[in-house]
């Protein structure tokens, strides 16, 4: 699974990265998690409010930190 956390490094971006890493670990999913801080790359996903979460090339959320249950559900659907 390919996961990208989009954001410049703000508090919410770090919180999303932490949650995603914990969920991936809990679920035992094999995933490549990448932090994307380049503004041009972030906007290439049509994300204009960070943080953003992209899984397997699909933008799942932007502009907020989703609840852990939401992240789990999305990763199960993409697995």
Protein backbone atom coordinates (compact mmCIF):
# COMPACT_ATOMS: atom_id res chain seq x y z
CA UNK A 1 0.00 0.00 0.00
CA UNK A 2 1.28 3.46 -0.89
CA UNK A 3 0.37 6.19 1.62
CA UNK A 4 1.25 9.87 1.34
CA UNK A 5 0.78 12.47 4.07
CA UNK A 6 0.50 15.88 2.41
CA UNK A 7 1.51 18.96 4.36
CA UNK A 8 4.29 21.41 5.11
CA UNK A 9 4.94 20.10 8.62
CA UNK A 10 2.28 21.89 10.66
CA UNK A 11 0.87 20.50 13.90
CA UNK A 12 -2.11 18.89 12.14
CA UNK A 13 0.13 17.34 9.48
CA UNK A 14 2.29 15.76 12.18
CA UNK A 15 -0.82 14.53 14.01
CA UNK A 16 -2.14 12.88 10.83
CA UNK A 17 1.21 11.21 10.16
CA UNK A 18 1.34 9.88 13.74
CA UNK A 19 -2.22 8.50 13.54
CA UNK A 20 -1.62 6.85 10.16
CA UNK A 21 1.62 5.22 11.32
CA UNK A 22 -0.07 3.90 14.48
CA UNK A 23 -3.06 2.52 12.55
CA UNK A 24 -0.79 0.83 9.97
CA UNK A 25 1.22 -0.73 12.79
CA UNK A 26 -1.91 -1.88 14.69
CA UNK A 27 -3.43 -3.42 11.57
CA UNK A 28 -0.17 -5.08 10.50
CA UNK A 29 -0.43 -3.58 7.03
CA UNK A 30 2.62 -3.45 4.80
CA UNK A 31 2.76 0.13 3.61
CA UNK A 32 5.16 2.68 2.21
CA UNK A 33 4.42 5.91 4.09
CA UNK A 34 5.80 9.09 2.56
CA UNK A 35 5.63 12.65 3.89
CA UNK A 36 5.12 15.13 1.05
CA UNK A 37 6.05 18.72 1.89
CA UNK A 38 6.57 20.17 -1.60
CA UNK A 39 3.73 22.61 -2.33
CA UNK A 40 3.73 21.84 -6.06
CA UNK A 41 3.39 18.11 -5.42
CA UNK A 42 0.65 18.70 -2.83
CA UNK A 43 -1.36 20.84 -5.25
CA UNK A 44 -0.88 18.23 -8.00
CA UNK A 45 -3.34 16.13 -5.96
CA UNK A 46 -5.80 19.07 -5.99
CA UNK A 47 -5.27 19.46 -2.26
CA UNK A 48 -5.30 23.10 -1.25
CA UNK A 49 -5.88 22.66 2.49
CA UNK A 50 -3.55 20.48 4.49
CA UNK A 51 -3.16 17.99 5.92
CA UNK A 52 -4.04 15.58 3.16
CA UNK A 53 -4.09 11.80 3.04
CA UNK A 54 -3.52 9.95 -0.23
CA UNK A 55 -3.75 6.16 -0.36
CA UNK A 56 -2.84 4.29 -3.54
CA UNK A 57 -3.12 7.53 -5.50
CA UNK A 58 -6.59 8.49 -4.17
CA UNK A 59 -7.10 11.57 -2.01
CA UNK A 60 -9.16 10.39 0.95
CA UNK A 61 -9.23 13.56 3.04
CA UNK A 62 -7.85 17.08 3.11
CA UNK A 63 -8.04 20.01 5.47
CA UNK A 64 -8.56 18.01 8.66
CA UNK A 65 -7.20 15.18 10.78
CA UNK A 66 -9.66 12.29 10.47
CA UNK A 67 -10.60 10.12 13.42
CA UNK A 68 -8.66 6.89 13.89
CA UNK A 69 -11.75 4.81 13.01
CA UNK A 70 -12.05 6.62 9.67
CA UNK A 71 -8.40 5.92 8.87
CA UNK A 72 -8.84 2.23 9.75
CA UNK A 73 -11.92 1.94 7.55
CA UNK A 74 -10.19 3.59 4.57
CA UNK A 75 -7.09 1.41 4.89
CA UNK A 76 -9.20 -1.75 5.15
CA UNK A 77 -11.03 -0.74 1.96
CA UNK A 78 -7.74 -0.13 0.15
CA UNK A 79 -5.97 -3.28 1.41
